[in-house]
Amino acid sequence: MRIDKYLWCIRVFKTRNSATEVIKKGHVMVNNQKAKASREVFAGDKISVRKDQINYQYVVLDLPPSRVGAKLVDMYRKDETPEEAFEHLKLLRLAKEHYREKGQGRPTKKDRRDINEYLDEDDYLEQIHNEESK
């Protein structure tokens, strides 16, 4: 079975075309060698796929007859992706949140109304305080 079809069948990619594009970019390796889309895959092959800044590692257990359901995927591949890869993704997400937290930057319409309401209350309290001190 071709590597692009295999990756589509085991639901690594949504479409076979997207699997082919990733393979052409050189993000897929079979047994530590860059693969072409037409590369044949056999049971026991080790596949490395770079997707969403994570290097997924799979071992081919068997070849599916066609695209399989999500519950049946584990019959055809073994996921050997290390946990450190997923921790790295969590750190990347936290880093992105650090640079721009929600609510920073230009205020939304609701934020602006809250600010105006807060400032109006401060002005009112300041006027009362000034009148009492007179």
Protein backbone atom coordinates (compact mmCIF):
# COMPACT_ATOMS: atom_id res chain seq x y z
CA MET A 1 0.00 0.00 0.00
CA ARG A 2 1.26 3.50 -0.81
CA ILE A 3 2.39 5.66 2.13
CA ASP A 4 -0.03 8.50 1.29
CA LYS A 5 -2.96 6.11 1.16
CA TYR A 6 -1.85 4.42 4.38
CA LEU A 7 -1.63 7.72 6.29
CA TRP A 8 -5.08 8.65 5.01
CA CYS A 9 -6.50 5.22 5.91
CA ILE A 10 -5.30 5.38 9.50
CA ARG A 11 -6.65 8.92 9.86
CA VAL A 12 -3.41 10.84 10.25
CA PHE A 13 -4.67 13.20 7.53
CA LYS A 14 -8.20 14.13 6.52
CA THR A 15 -7.57 13.79 2.80
CA ARG A 16 -5.18 11.80 0.71
CA ASN A 17 -4.19 14.97 -1.09
CA SER A 18 -3.07 16.63 2.16
CA ALA A 19 -1.04 13.51 2.99
CA THR A 20 0.64 13.73 -0.42
CA GLU A 21 1.48 17.42 0.07
CA VAL A 22 3.10 16.76 3.45
CA ILE A 23 5.12 13.90 1.97
CA LYS A 24 6.31 16.13 -0.90
CA LYS A 25 7.51 18.69 1.65
CA GLY A 26 9.68 16.01 3.23
CA HIS A 27 7.86 15.76 6.55
CA VAL A 28 7.38 11.98 6.34
CA MET A 29 10.11 9.40 6.83
CA VAL A 30 9.87 5.63 6.53
CA ASN A 31 12.60 3.67 8.32
CA ASN A 32 14.63 6.92 8.72
CA GLN A 33 14.55 7.70 4.98
CA LYS A 34 12.57 10.46 3.31
CA ALA A 35 9.63 8.97 1.50
CA LYS A 36 7.86 9.72 -1.74
CA ALA A 37 4.07 9.47 -1.97
CA SER A 38 4.35 6.29 -4.01
CA ARG A 39 6.56 4.52 -1.45
CA GLU A 40 5.16 1.14 -0.48
CA VAL A 41 4.58 0.46 3.22
CA PHE A 42 4.78 -2.98 4.81
CA ALA A 43 4.07 -4.39 8.27
CA GLY A 44 6.91 -3.57 10.66
CA ASP A 45 7.91 -0.29 8.99
CA LYS A 46 8.54 2.71 11.23
CA ILE A 47 6.95 5.95 10.06
CA SER A 48 7.81 9.43 11.34
CA VAL A 49 5.38 12.25 10.49
CA ARG A 50 5.94 15.93 11.32
CA LYS A 51 2.54 17.51 11.87
CA ASP A 52 1.62 20.58 13.94
CA GLN A 53 5.21 20.93 15.19
CA ILE A 54 5.17 17.40 16.64
CA ASN A 55 7.11 14.42 15.29
CA TYR A 56 4.63 11.55 15.46
CA GLN A 57 6.15 8.08 15.31
CA TYR A 58 4.16 5.04 14.22
CA VAL A 59 4.88 1.38 13.62
CA VAL A 60 2.85 -0.35 10.90
CA LEU A 61 1.12 -3.41 12.36
CA ASP A 62 -1.05 -4.32 9.38
CA LEU A 63 -2.39 -2.78 6.19
CA PRO A 64 -6.06 -1.73 6.24
CA PRO A 65 -8.26 -2.66 3.27
CA SER A 66 -9.57 0.93 3.10
CA ARG A 67 -10.11 3.93 5.39
CA VAL A 68 -11.03 2.65 8.84
CA GLY A 69 -13.08 4.07 11.68
CA ALA A 70 -11.36 5.91 14.50
CA LYS A 71 -11.95 3.03 16.92
CA LEU A 72 -10.24 0.53 14.60
CA VAL A 73 -7.11 2.57 13.87
CA ASP A 74 -5.07 0.94 16.66
CA MET A 75 -5.38 -2.43 14.92
CA TYR A 76 -3.25 -1.14 12.05
CA ARG A 77 -0.66 1.08 13.73
CA LYS A 78 1.16 1.46 17.03
CA ASP A 79 1.74 5.01 18.25
CA GLU A 80 5.25 5.42 19.67
CA THR A 81 5.26 9.22 19.95
CA PRO A 82 7.16 10.24 23.10
CA GLU A 83 5.30 12.25 25.77
CA GLU A 84 7.95 15.00 25.58
CA ALA A 85 6.63 15.95 22.15
CA PHE A 86 3.19 16.74 23.56
CA GLU A 87 4.72 18.64 26.49
CA HIS A 88 6.63 20.74 23.96
CA LEU A 89 3.32 21.59 22.27
CA LYS A 90 1.85 22.69 25.61
CA LEU A 91 4.85 24.96 26.18
CA LEU A 92 4.41 26.47 22.72
CA ARG A 93 0.76 27.22 23.45
CA LEU A 94 1.66 28.85 26.77
CA ALA A 95 4.34 30.93 25.07
CA LYS A 96 1.82 32.21 22.52
CA GLU A 97 -0.60 33.14 25.30
CA HIS A 98 2.19 34.96 27.11
CA TYR A 99 2.76 37.40 24.28
CA ARG A 100 -0.89 38.32 23.86
CA GLU A 101 -3.32 37.56 26.59
CA LYS A 102 -7.02 37.77 25.97
CA GLY A 103 -8.34 41.25 26.55
CA GLN A 104 -5.11 43.09 25.87
CA GLY A 105 -4.69 45.43 22.99
CA ARG A 106 -7.59 47.42 21.64
CA PRO A 107 -10.57 47.15 23.98
CA THR A 108 -13.74 45.55 22.76
CA LYS A 109 -17.04 47.39 22.81
CA LYS A 110 -17.97 45.73 26.10
CA ASP A 111 -14.58 46.60 27.61
CA ARG A 112 -14.99 50.22 26.57
CA ARG A 113 -18.42 50.42 28.17
CA ASP A 114 -17.08 48.95 31.39
CA ILE A 115 -14.21 51.46 31.40
CA ASN A 116 -16.58 54.37 30.79
CA GLU A 117 -18.90 53.19 33.54
CA TYR A 118 -15.96 52.86 35.94
CA LEU A 119 -14.66 56.33 35.07
CA ASP A 120 -18.13 57.86 35.46
CA GLU A 121 -18.39 56.36 38.97
CA ASP A 122 -14.95 57.75 39.87
CA ASP A 123 -15.93 61.21 38.65
CA TYR A 124 -19.14 61.06 40.67
CA LEU A 125 -17.34 59.95 43.84
CA GLU A 126 -14.69 62.65 43.32
CA GLN A 127 -17.37 65.35 42.99
CA ILE A 128 -19.03 64.21 46.22
CA HIS A 129 -15.68 64.21 48.03
CA ASN A 130 -14.90 67.75 46.79
CA GLU A 131 -18.31 69.03 47.92
CA GLU A 132 -17.91 67.51 51.39
CA SER A 133 -14.46 69.03 51.87
CA LYS A 134 -15.81 72.55 51.13
